[in-house]
Amino acid sequence: MISMLEGEVIYHGVGFVILRVRDVGYKVILPEDVAHTLHGNVLLYTHETIRDSDHDLFGLTSMTALELFWKLITVSGVGPKSAQRIVYSEEIESVKQKISKGDLTFLTNVPGIGKKTAQKIILELKGILAEVPDTAAFDEDAISALSSLGYTRRDAEQILSTVEGETTEDRVRAALKMLGR
């Protein structure tokens, strides 16, 4: 999966840019207003979708936006285009807060999101977005270690946000002690 591209914007189309990375041009789907603000060298985080005859790259401007995008597409009825519209509708933290607070009006004002889909998004993501710890607070090695032991990434992040340790090994040990209680 292509998760990030860094290169030069060489063309602005309707709802996309062509990004030259070395000698390859990638079509990255972006909202019209965002696409036209990108010039020169840019870094885009991407989500790649492969369907029968389509192969699309959806672009996002930050890792936080990409993570929210990934959460949104797990909701039944929310495809990548709708998820991207939601992510770009406002600042990321504002979007998360509105979903966490159950703001149905905010979601139904996003083009392509009806009342039923908005309700599903709120129902499925309300608790998840409210409980997301700051991933910078702990290291990826500790998360990987706990994940390899069968814990979900979410559980690993939550427990690691509550433990302390000098090294990754210390944090994993402390997390396992907490999980064993």
N, C-alpha and C. Protein backbone atom coordinates (compact mmCIF):
# COMPACT_ATOMS: atom_id res chain seq x y z
N MET A 1 0.85 -1.18 0.00
CA MET A 1 0.00 0.00 0.00
C MET A 1 0.89 1.24 0.00
N ILE A 2 0.54 2.20 -0.81
CA ILE A 2 1.26 3.47 -0.85
C ILE A 2 0.66 4.37 0.22
N SER A 3 1.45 4.70 1.24
CA SER A 3 0.94 5.49 2.36
C SER A 3 1.46 6.91 2.41
N MET A 4 2.48 7.21 1.60
CA MET A 4 3.03 8.55 1.60
C MET A 4 3.77 8.79 0.29
N LEU A 5 3.63 10.00 -0.20
CA LEU A 5 4.36 10.40 -1.40
C LEU A 5 4.93 11.79 -1.17
N GLU A 6 6.17 11.97 -1.60
CA GLU A 6 6.78 13.30 -1.53
C GLU A 6 7.32 13.60 -2.92
N GLY A 7 6.89 14.72 -3.46
CA GLY A 7 7.33 15.07 -4.80
C GLY A 7 6.79 16.42 -5.21
N GLU A 8 6.92 16.70 -6.51
CA GLU A 8 6.54 17.99 -7.06
C GLU A 8 5.17 17.92 -7.73
N VAL A 9 4.32 18.87 -7.38
CA VAL A 9 3.01 18.97 -8.04
C VAL A 9 3.26 19.51 -9.44
N ILE A 10 2.91 18.71 -10.45
CA ILE A 10 3.15 19.15 -11.83
C ILE A 10 1.87 19.46 -12.59
N TYR A 11 0.70 19.10 -11.98
CA TYR A 11 -0.56 19.38 -12.66
C TYR A 11 -1.69 19.43 -11.63
N HIS A 12 -2.58 20.41 -11.82
CA HIS A 12 -3.80 20.50 -11.00
C HIS A 12 -4.99 20.16 -11.89
N GLY A 13 -5.72 19.13 -11.54
CA GLY A 13 -6.93 18.76 -12.27
C GLY A 13 -8.14 19.07 -11.40
N VAL A 14 -9.31 18.69 -11.86
CA VAL A 14 -10.53 18.89 -11.10
C VAL A 14 -10.62 17.77 -10.06
N GLY A 15 -10.29 18.10 -8.81
CA GLY A 15 -10.35 17.13 -7.73
C GLY A 15 -9.13 16.23 -7.61
N PHE A 16 -8.02 16.61 -8.23
CA PHE A 16 -6.81 15.80 -8.12
C PHE A 16 -5.58 16.63 -8.49
N VAL A 17 -4.43 16.11 -8.12
CA VAL A 17 -3.16 16.65 -8.57
C VAL A 17 -2.34 15.49 -9.13
N ILE A 18 -1.42 15.81 -10.02
CA ILE A 18 -0.43 14.84 -10.45
C ILE A 18 0.86 15.20 -9.72
N LEU A 19 1.37 14.24 -8.99
CA LEU A 19 2.56 14.44 -8.18
C LEU A 19 3.70 13.63 -8.80
N ARG A 20 4.78 14.33 -9.19
CA ARG A 20 5.94 13.63 -9.76
C ARG A 20 6.87 13.23 -8.62
N VAL A 21 7.06 11.93 -8.47
CA VAL A 21 7.98 11.38 -7.49
C VAL A 21 9.05 10.66 -8.30
N ARG A 22 10.24 11.24 -8.29
CA ARG A 22 11.32 10.80 -9.16
C ARG A 22 10.82 10.92 -10.60
N ASP A 23 10.70 9.87 -11.33
CA ASP A 23 10.22 9.98 -12.72
C ASP A 23 8.87 9.34 -12.93
N VAL A 24 8.09 9.22 -11.85
CA VAL A 24 6.76 8.61 -11.94
C VAL A 24 5.72 9.64 -11.51
N GLY A 25 4.65 9.75 -12.26
CA GLY A 25 3.56 10.66 -11.92
C GLY A 25 2.42 9.91 -11.25
N TYR A 26 2.01 10.38 -10.09
CA TYR A 26 0.90 9.76 -9.34
C TYR A 26 -0.29 10.71 -9.32
N LYS A 27 -1.46 10.19 -9.66
CA LYS A 27 -2.68 10.96 -9.55
C LYS A 27 -3.19 10.79 -8.13
N VAL A 28 -3.27 11.90 -7.40
CA VAL A 28 -3.72 11.87 -6.01
C VAL A 28 -5.02 12.66 -5.91
N ILE A 29 -6.08 11.99 -5.45
CA ILE A 29 -7.39 12.61 -5.33
C ILE A 29 -7.43 13.48 -4.09
N LEU A 30 -7.83 14.73 -4.29
CA LEU A 30 -7.94 15.72 -3.21
C LEU A 30 -9.15 16.59 -3.47
N PRO A 31 -9.74 17.17 -2.42
CA PRO A 31 -10.81 18.14 -2.67
C PRO A 31 -10.26 19.31 -3.51
N GLU A 32 -11.13 19.84 -4.33
CA GLU A 32 -10.76 20.92 -5.26
C GLU A 32 -10.02 22.06 -4.56
N ASP A 33 -10.57 22.55 -3.45
CA ASP A 33 -9.97 23.71 -2.78
C ASP A 33 -8.60 23.38 -2.20
N VAL A 34 -8.37 22.16 -1.78
CA VAL A 34 -7.07 21.76 -1.23
C VAL A 34 -6.07 21.56 -2.38
N ALA A 35 -6.51 20.92 -3.45
CA ALA A 35 -5.62 20.64 -4.58
C ALA A 35 -4.99 21.92 -5.13
N HIS A 36 -5.77 22.99 -5.20
CA HIS A 36 -5.25 24.22 -5.79
C HIS A 36 -4.35 25.02 -4.86
N THR A 37 -4.24 24.61 -3.60
CA THR A 37 -3.31 25.28 -2.69
C THR A 37 -1.94 24.63 -2.70
N LEU A 38 -1.83 23.47 -3.34
CA LEU A 38 -0.56 22.74 -3.35
C LEU A 38 0.28 23.14 -4.56
N HIS A 39 1.51 23.55 -4.29
CA HIS A 39 2.45 23.95 -5.35
C HIS A 39 3.85 23.49 -4.97
N GLY A 40 4.68 23.24 -5.96
CA GLY A 40 6.06 22.86 -5.70
C GLY A 40 6.16 21.49 -5.05
N ASN A 41 7.15 21.33 -4.19
CA ASN A 41 7.34 20.05 -3.50
C ASN A 41 6.40 19.95 -2.32
N VAL A 42 5.71 18.81 -2.23
CA VAL A 42 4.77 18.57 -1.13
C VAL A 42 4.92 17.14 -0.62
N LEU A 43 4.45 16.94 0.58
CA LEU A 43 4.39 15.62 1.19
C LEU A 43 2.92 15.33 1.42
N LEU A 44 2.44 14.23 0.86
CA LEU A 44 1.05 13.83 1.04
C LEU A 44 1.00 12.42 1.61
N TYR A 45 0.15 12.24 2.61
CA TYR A 45 -0.13 10.91 3.13
C TYR A 45 -1.28 10.39 2.30
N THR A 46 -1.23 9.11 1.95
CA THR A 46 -2.21 8.60 1.01
C THR A 46 -2.86 7.30 1.50
N HIS A 47 -4.04 7.08 0.96
CA HIS A 47 -4.74 5.80 1.15
C HIS A 47 -5.01 5.27 -0.24
N GLU A 48 -4.56 4.07 -0.49
CA GLU A 48 -4.70 3.46 -1.80
C GLU A 48 -5.90 2.51 -1.81
N THR A 49 -6.78 2.68 -2.79
CA THR A 49 -7.89 1.75 -2.95
C THR A 49 -7.77 1.08 -4.31
N ILE A 50 -7.99 -0.23 -4.30
CA ILE A 50 -7.92 -1.00 -5.54
C ILE A 50 -9.24 -1.74 -5.69
N ARG A 51 -9.96 -1.41 -6.74
CA ARG A 51 -11.21 -2.08 -7.04
C ARG A 51 -11.07 -2.72 -8.42
N ASP A 52 -12.14 -3.30 -8.92
CA ASP A 52 -12.08 -4.02 -10.19
C ASP A 52 -11.27 -3.28 -11.26
N SER A 53 -11.74 -2.10 -11.64
CA SER A 53 -11.05 -1.37 -12.71
C SER A 53 -10.45 -0.05 -12.22
N ASP A 54 -10.57 0.23 -10.95
CA ASP A 54 -10.05 1.48 -10.40
C ASP A 54 -8.87 1.23 -9.46
N HIS A 55 -7.96 2.16 -9.50
CA HIS A 55 -6.81 2.15 -8.60
C HIS A 55 -6.63 3.62 -8.21
N ASP A 56 -7.06 3.99 -7.00
CA ASP A 56 -7.07 5.40 -6.59
C ASP A 56 -6.17 5.65 -5.39
N LEU A 57 -5.60 6.84 -5.36
CA LEU A 57 -4.84 7.31 -4.20
C LEU A 57 -5.56 8.54 -3.65
N PHE A 58 -6.01 8.46 -2.41
CA PHE A 58 -6.67 9.58 -1.76
C PHE A 58 -5.63 10.29 -0.90
N GLY A 59 -5.46 11.59 -1.11
CA GLY A 59 -4.43 12.34 -0.43
C GLY A 59 -4.92 13.06 0.81
N LEU A 60 -4.06 13.08 1.83
CA LEU A 60 -4.33 13.82 3.07
C LEU A 60 -3.05 14.54 3.45
N THR A 61 -3.19 15.67 4.10
CA THR A 61 -2.03 16.52 4.34
C THR A 61 -1.31 16.26 5.66
N SER A 62 -1.83 15.37 6.50
CA SER A 62 -1.14 15.06 7.75
C SER A 62 -1.42 13.61 8.15
N MET A 63 -0.58 13.09 9.00
CA MET A 63 -0.78 11.73 9.50
C MET A 63 -2.04 11.66 10.36
N THR A 64 -2.31 12.71 11.11
CA THR A 64 -3.52 12.76 11.94
C THR A 64 -4.76 12.67 11.05
N ALA A 65 -4.74 13.38 9.93
CA ALA A 65 -5.86 13.34 8.99
C ALA A 65 -6.01 11.93 8.41
N LEU A 66 -4.89 11.29 8.08
CA LEU A 66 -4.94 9.94 7.53
C LEU A 66 -5.51 8.94 8.54
N GLU A 67 -5.11 9.08 9.80
CA GLU A 67 -5.63 8.17 10.83
C GLU A 67 -7.14 8.35 11.03
N LEU A 68 -7.61 9.60 11.00
CA LEU A 68 -9.05 9.84 11.09
C LEU A 68 -9.76 9.25 9.87
N PHE A 69 -9.18 9.45 8.70
CA PHE A 69 -9.70 8.89 7.45
C PHE A 69 -9.86 7.37 7.58
N TRP A 70 -8.83 6.70 8.09
CA TRP A 70 -8.88 5.25 8.25
C TRP A 70 -10.00 4.83 9.20
N LYS A 71 -10.20 5.59 10.27
CA LYS A 71 -11.29 5.26 11.20
C LYS A 71 -12.64 5.43 10.51
N LEU A 72 -12.78 6.49 9.73
CA LEU A 72 -14.05 6.75 9.06
C LEU A 72 -14.40 5.66 8.05
N ILE A 73 -13.44 5.16 7.31
CA ILE A 73 -13.77 4.16 6.28
C ILE A 73 -14.07 2.79 6.88
N THR A 74 -13.85 2.63 8.19
CA THR A 74 -14.26 1.37 8.83
C THR A 74 -15.76 1.33 9.08
N VAL A 75 -16.41 2.49 9.02
CA VAL A 75 -17.85 2.58 9.25
C VAL A 75 -18.58 2.13 7.97
N SER A 76 -19.50 1.22 8.12
CA SER A 76 -20.27 0.72 6.99
C SER A 76 -21.01 1.87 6.32
N GLY A 77 -20.86 1.98 5.00
CA GLY A 77 -21.53 3.03 4.26
C GLY A 77 -20.68 4.27 4.03
N VAL A 78 -19.48 4.31 4.62
CA VAL A 78 -18.59 5.44 4.42
C VAL A 78 -17.42 4.99 3.54
N GLY A 79 -17.41 5.49 2.32
CA GLY A 79 -16.33 5.17 1.39
C GLY A 79 -15.22 6.19 1.49
N PRO A 80 -14.16 6.00 0.73
CA PRO A 80 -13.03 6.92 0.79
C PRO A 80 -13.37 8.36 0.39
N LYS A 81 -14.24 8.54 -0.59
CA LYS A 81 -14.59 9.91 -1.01
C LYS A 81 -15.33 10.63 0.11
N SER A 82 -16.29 9.95 0.73
CA SER A 82 -17.04 10.55 1.84
C SER A 82 -16.13 10.82 3.03
N ALA A 83 -15.26 9.87 3.34
CA ALA A 83 -14.34 10.03 4.47
C ALA A 83 -13.43 11.23 4.24
N GLN A 84 -12.95 11.38 3.02
CA GLN A 84 -12.07 12.51 2.70
C GLN A 84 -12.82 13.84 2.84
N ARG A 85 -14.08 13.86 2.38
CA ARG A 85 -14.88 15.09 2.53
C ARG A 85 -15.05 15.46 4.00
N ILE A 86 -15.29 14.46 4.85
CA ILE A 86 -15.46 14.72 6.28
C ILE A 86 -14.16 15.25 6.88
N VAL A 87 -13.05 14.61 6.55
CA VAL A 87 -11.75 15.01 7.11
C VAL A 87 -11.42 16.45 6.74
N TYR A 88 -11.70 16.84 5.50
CA TYR A 88 -11.36 18.18 5.03
C TYR A 88 -12.45 19.22 5.32
N SER A 89 -13.56 18.82 5.94
CA SER A 89 -14.65 19.77 6.17
C SER A 89 -14.28 20.86 7.18
N GLU A 90 -13.41 20.54 8.13
CA GLU A 90 -12.94 21.50 9.14
C GLU A 90 -11.58 21.04 9.63
N GLU A 91 -11.02 21.76 10.61
CA GLU A 91 -9.77 21.33 11.23
C GLU A 91 -9.98 19.94 11.84
N ILE A 92 -8.95 19.11 11.83
CA ILE A 92 -9.05 17.72 12.29
C ILE A 92 -9.59 17.62 13.71
N GLU A 93 -9.04 18.39 14.62
CA GLU A 93 -9.48 18.31 16.02
C GLU A 93 -10.95 18.72 16.16
N SER A 94 -11.37 19.69 15.36
CA SER A 94 -12.77 20.11 15.38
C SER A 94 -13.67 18.99 14.88
N VAL A 95 -13.26 18.31 13.82
CA VAL A 95 -14.04 17.19 13.28
C VAL A 95 -14.17 16.09 14.34
N LYS A 96 -13.05 15.75 14.98
CA LYS A 96 -13.07 14.72 16.02
C LYS A 96 -14.00 15.11 17.16
N GLN A 97 -13.92 16.36 17.59
CA GLN A 97 -14.76 16.83 18.70
C GLN A 97 -16.23 16.76 18.33
N LYS A 98 -16.57 17.17 17.12
CA LYS A 98 -17.97 17.18 16.70
C LYS A 98 -18.53 15.76 16.60
N ILE A 99 -17.71 14.82 16.12
CA ILE A 99 -18.16 13.43 16.07
C ILE A 99 -18.31 12.91 17.49
N SER A 100 -17.34 13.20 18.36
CA SER A 100 -17.38 12.73 19.75
C SER A 100 -18.58 13.30 20.51
N LYS A 101 -18.97 14.52 20.18
CA LYS A 101 -20.13 15.14 20.84
C LYS A 101 -21.45 14.72 20.21
N GLY A 102 -21.38 13.99 19.10
CA GLY A 102 -22.61 13.52 18.46
C GLY A 102 -23.30 14.59 17.63
N ASP A 103 -22.53 15.49 17.01
CA ASP A 103 -23.07 16.58 16.22
C ASP A 103 -23.57 16.08 14.86
N LEU A 104 -24.83 15.67 14.82
CA LEU A 104 -25.45 15.13 13.62
C LEU A 104 -25.53 16.18 12.51
N THR A 105 -25.82 17.42 12.87
CA THR A 105 -25.95 18.50 11.89
C THR A 105 -24.65 18.72 11.14
N PHE A 106 -23.54 18.71 11.86
CA PHE A 106 -22.23 18.88 11.23
C PHE A 106 -22.02 17.83 10.14
N LEU A 107 -22.26 16.57 10.47
CA LEU A 107 -22.02 15.49 9.51
C LEU A 107 -22.98 15.53 8.33
N THR A 108 -24.26 15.84 8.59
CA THR A 108 -25.23 15.86 7.48
C THR A 108 -25.00 17.06 6.56
N ASN A 109 -24.25 18.05 7.01
CA ASN A 109 -23.91 19.19 6.14
C ASN A 109 -22.76 18.86 5.20
N VAL A 110 -22.07 17.75 5.42
CA VAL A 110 -21.01 17.32 4.52
C VAL A 110 -21.68 16.66 3.30
N PRO A 111 -21.35 17.12 2.08
CA PRO A 111 -21.98 16.55 0.89
C PRO A 111 -21.81 15.03 0.82
N GLY A 112 -22.92 14.33 0.55
CA GLY A 112 -22.89 12.89 0.41
C GLY A 112 -23.12 12.12 1.70
N ILE A 113 -23.27 12.82 2.83
CA ILE A 113 -23.50 12.15 4.11
C ILE A 113 -24.95 12.40 4.52
N GLY A 114 -25.72 11.33 4.53
CA GLY A 114 -27.12 11.42 4.94
C GLY A 114 -27.26 11.19 6.43
N LYS A 115 -28.48 11.28 6.90
CA LYS A 115 -28.75 11.17 8.33
C LYS A 115 -28.38 9.78 8.88
N LYS A 116 -28.73 8.73 8.16
CA LYS A 116 -28.42 7.37 8.64
C LYS A 116 -26.91 7.13 8.71
N THR A 117 -26.20 7.57 7.70
CA THR A 117 -24.74 7.40 7.70
C THR A 117 -24.12 8.22 8.81
N ALA A 118 -24.60 9.44 9.02
CA ALA A 118 -24.09 10.29 10.10
C ALA A 118 -24.32 9.63 11.45
N GLN A 119 -25.48 9.03 11.64
CA GLN A 119 -25.78 8.34 12.89
C GLN A 119 -24.83 7.16 13.10
N LYS A 120 -24.55 6.40 12.03
CA LYS A 120 -23.62 5.28 12.12
C LYS A 120 -22.23 5.76 12.52
N ILE A 121 -21.78 6.85 11.90
CA ILE A 121 -20.45 7.39 12.20
C ILE A 121 -20.37 7.75 13.67
N ILE A 122 -21.36 8.46 14.16
CA ILE A 122 -21.37 8.88 15.57
C ILE A 122 -21.42 7.66 16.48
N LEU A 123 -22.29 6.72 16.17
CA LEU A 123 -22.43 5.52 16.99
C LEU A 123 -21.13 4.72 17.07
N GLU A 124 -20.47 4.54 15.92
CA GLU A 124 -19.28 3.70 15.88
C GLU A 124 -17.99 4.39 16.29
N LEU A 125 -17.91 5.71 16.12
CA LEU A 125 -16.65 6.40 16.40
C LEU A 125 -16.65 7.29 17.63
N LYS A 126 -17.82 7.56 18.17
CA LYS A 126 -17.92 8.49 19.30
C LYS A 126 -16.96 8.14 20.43
N GLY A 127 -17.01 6.92 20.91
CA GLY A 127 -16.14 6.50 22.00
C GLY A 127 -14.69 6.35 21.58
N ILE A 128 -14.47 5.91 20.36
CA ILE A 128 -13.11 5.68 19.88
C ILE A 128 -12.34 6.99 19.77
N LEU A 129 -12.95 8.01 19.21
CA LEU A 129 -12.26 9.29 19.03
C LEU A 129 -12.02 9.99 20.36
N ALA A 130 -12.92 9.80 21.30
CA ALA A 130 -12.78 10.44 22.60
C ALA A 130 -11.65 9.82 23.42
N GLU A 131 -11.36 8.53 23.15
CA GLU A 131 -10.38 7.81 23.96
C GLU A 131 -9.03 7.67 23.30
N VAL A 132 -8.82 8.26 22.13
CA VAL A 132 -7.56 8.06 21.43
C VAL A 132 -6.43 8.77 22.16
N PRO A 133 -5.46 8.01 22.68
CA PRO A 133 -4.32 8.65 23.32
C PRO A 133 -3.38 9.22 22.27
N ASP A 134 -2.52 10.11 22.70
CA ASP A 134 -1.54 10.72 21.81
C ASP A 134 -0.48 9.68 21.50
N THR A 135 -0.37 9.28 20.22
CA THR A 135 0.56 8.23 19.86
C THR A 135 2.01 8.65 20.04
N ALA A 136 2.28 9.93 20.13
CA ALA A 136 3.64 10.39 20.35
C ALA A 136 4.09 10.13 21.78
N ALA A 137 3.15 9.80 22.67
CA ALA A 137 3.48 9.60 24.08
C ALA A 137 4.22 8.28 24.32
N PHE A 138 4.26 7.40 23.36
CA PHE A 138 4.96 6.13 23.53
C PHE A 138 5.53 5.69 22.19
N ASP A 139 6.41 4.73 22.24
CA ASP A 139 7.10 4.36 21.00
C ASP A 139 6.42 3.21 20.26
N GLU A 140 6.66 3.19 18.97
CA GLU A 140 6.07 2.17 18.09
C GLU A 140 6.58 0.77 18.41
N ASP A 141 7.82 0.66 18.89
CA ASP A 141 8.36 -0.66 19.23
C ASP A 141 7.54 -1.31 20.34
N ALA A 142 7.15 -0.53 21.33
CA ALA A 142 6.35 -1.06 22.44
C ALA A 142 4.98 -1.49 21.93
N ILE A 143 4.39 -0.71 21.06
CA ILE A 143 3.09 -1.06 20.48
C ILE A 143 3.22 -2.35 19.67
N SER A 144 4.27 -2.45 18.86
CA SER A 144 4.49 -3.65 18.05
C SER A 144 4.68 -4.88 18.94
N ALA A 145 5.42 -4.72 20.03
CA ALA A 145 5.65 -5.84 20.93
C ALA A 145 4.34 -6.35 21.51
N LEU A 146 3.49 -5.43 21.96
CA LEU A 146 2.20 -5.84 22.54
C LEU A 146 1.28 -6.41 21.46
N SER A 147 1.33 -5.83 20.28
CA SER A 147 0.50 -6.33 19.17
C SER A 147 0.90 -7.75 18.80
N SER A 148 2.20 -8.03 18.82
CA SER A 148 2.67 -9.38 18.48
C SER A 148 2.25 -10.41 19.53
N LEU A 149 1.90 -9.92 20.72
CA LEU A 149 1.42 -10.81 21.78
C LEU A 149 -0.10 -10.99 21.74
N GLY A 150 -0.73 -10.38 20.73
CA GLY A 150 -2.16 -10.59 20.55
C GLY A 150 -3.06 -9.45 20.99
N TYR A 151 -2.48 -8.36 21.49
CA TYR A 151 -3.29 -7.21 21.89
C TYR A 151 -3.56 -6.33 20.69
N THR A 152 -4.72 -5.69 20.66
CA THR A 152 -5.03 -4.78 19.55
C THR A 152 -4.21 -3.52 19.71
N ARG A 153 -4.02 -2.81 18.62
CA ARG A 153 -3.25 -1.57 18.66
C ARG A 153 -3.89 -0.59 19.64
N ARG A 154 -5.21 -0.52 19.60
CA ARG A 154 -5.92 0.40 20.49
C ARG A 154 -5.66 0.07 21.96
N ASP A 155 -5.76 -1.23 22.31
CA ASP A 155 -5.49 -1.65 23.69
C ASP A 155 -4.05 -1.35 24.08
N ALA A 156 -3.13 -1.63 23.15
CA ALA A 156 -1.71 -1.37 23.43
C ALA A 156 -1.47 0.12 23.67
N GLU A 157 -2.06 0.97 22.83
CA GLU A 157 -1.89 2.42 23.00
C GLU A 157 -2.47 2.88 24.33
N GLN A 158 -3.64 2.37 24.67
CA GLN A 158 -4.29 2.78 25.91
C GLN A 158 -3.47 2.39 27.13
N ILE A 159 -2.98 1.17 27.18
CA ILE A 159 -2.23 0.74 28.34
C ILE A 159 -0.86 1.43 28.39
N LEU A 160 -0.23 1.63 27.24
CA LEU A 160 1.08 2.30 27.23
C LEU A 160 0.98 3.76 27.64
N SER A 161 -0.18 4.35 27.45
CA SER A 161 -0.35 5.75 27.87
C SER A 161 -0.42 5.89 29.38
N THR A 162 -0.57 4.75 30.09
CA THR A 162 -0.70 4.80 31.55
C THR A 162 0.54 4.30 32.29
N VAL A 163 1.54 3.78 31.55
CA VAL A 163 2.72 3.23 32.21
C VAL A 163 3.95 4.09 31.94
N GLU A 164 4.97 3.90 32.79
CA GLU A 164 6.22 4.62 32.61
C GLU A 164 7.36 3.64 32.54
N GLY A 165 8.46 4.06 31.95
CA GLY A 165 9.66 3.23 31.86
C GLY A 165 10.73 3.94 31.08
N GLU A 166 11.98 3.62 31.39
CA GLU A 166 13.11 4.25 30.71
C GLU A 166 13.29 3.74 29.30
N THR A 167 13.07 2.44 29.11
CA THR A 167 13.28 1.82 27.80
C THR A 167 11.98 1.20 27.30
N THR A 168 12.01 0.81 26.05
CA THR A 168 10.86 0.11 25.47
C THR A 168 10.57 -1.15 26.27
N GLU A 169 11.61 -1.88 26.60
CA GLU A 169 11.46 -3.12 27.37
C GLU A 169 10.78 -2.86 28.71
N ASP A 170 11.18 -1.79 29.39
CA ASP A 170 10.57 -1.44 30.68
C ASP A 170 9.09 -1.12 30.51
N ARG A 171 8.75 -0.38 29.45
CA ARG A 171 7.35 0.00 29.22
C ARG A 171 6.51 -1.23 28.88
N VAL A 172 7.08 -2.15 28.09
CA VAL A 172 6.34 -3.37 27.73
C VAL A 172 6.11 -4.22 28.98
N ARG A 173 7.14 -4.37 29.81
CA ARG A 173 6.99 -5.13 31.06
C ARG A 173 5.90 -4.53 31.94
N ALA A 174 5.94 -3.20 32.09
CA ALA A 174 4.96 -2.52 32.94
C ALA A 174 3.55 -2.70 32.35
N ALA A 175 3.44 -2.62 31.05
CA ALA A 175 2.15 -2.79 30.39
C ALA A 175 1.62 -4.20 30.60
N LEU A 176 2.49 -5.20 30.46
CA LEU A 176 2.08 -6.58 30.66
C LEU A 176 1.64 -6.84 32.10
N LYS A 177 2.31 -6.20 33.06
CA LYS A 177 1.91 -6.33 34.46
C LYS A 177 0.51 -5.76 34.64
N MET A 178 0.26 -4.59 34.04
CA MET A 178 -1.07 -3.95 34.16
C MET A 178 -2.13 -4.82 33.48
N LEU A 179 -1.80 -5.37 32.34
CA LEU A 179 -2.76 -6.20 31.60
C LEU A 179 -3.03 -7.53 32.30
N GLY A 180 -2.07 -7.99 33.10
CA GLY A 180 -2.22 -9.24 33.81
C GLY A 180 -3.08 -9.15 35.05
N ARG A 181 -3.39 -7.94 35.48
CA ARG A 181 -4.20 -7.76 36.70
C ARG A 181 -5.63 -8.12 36.48
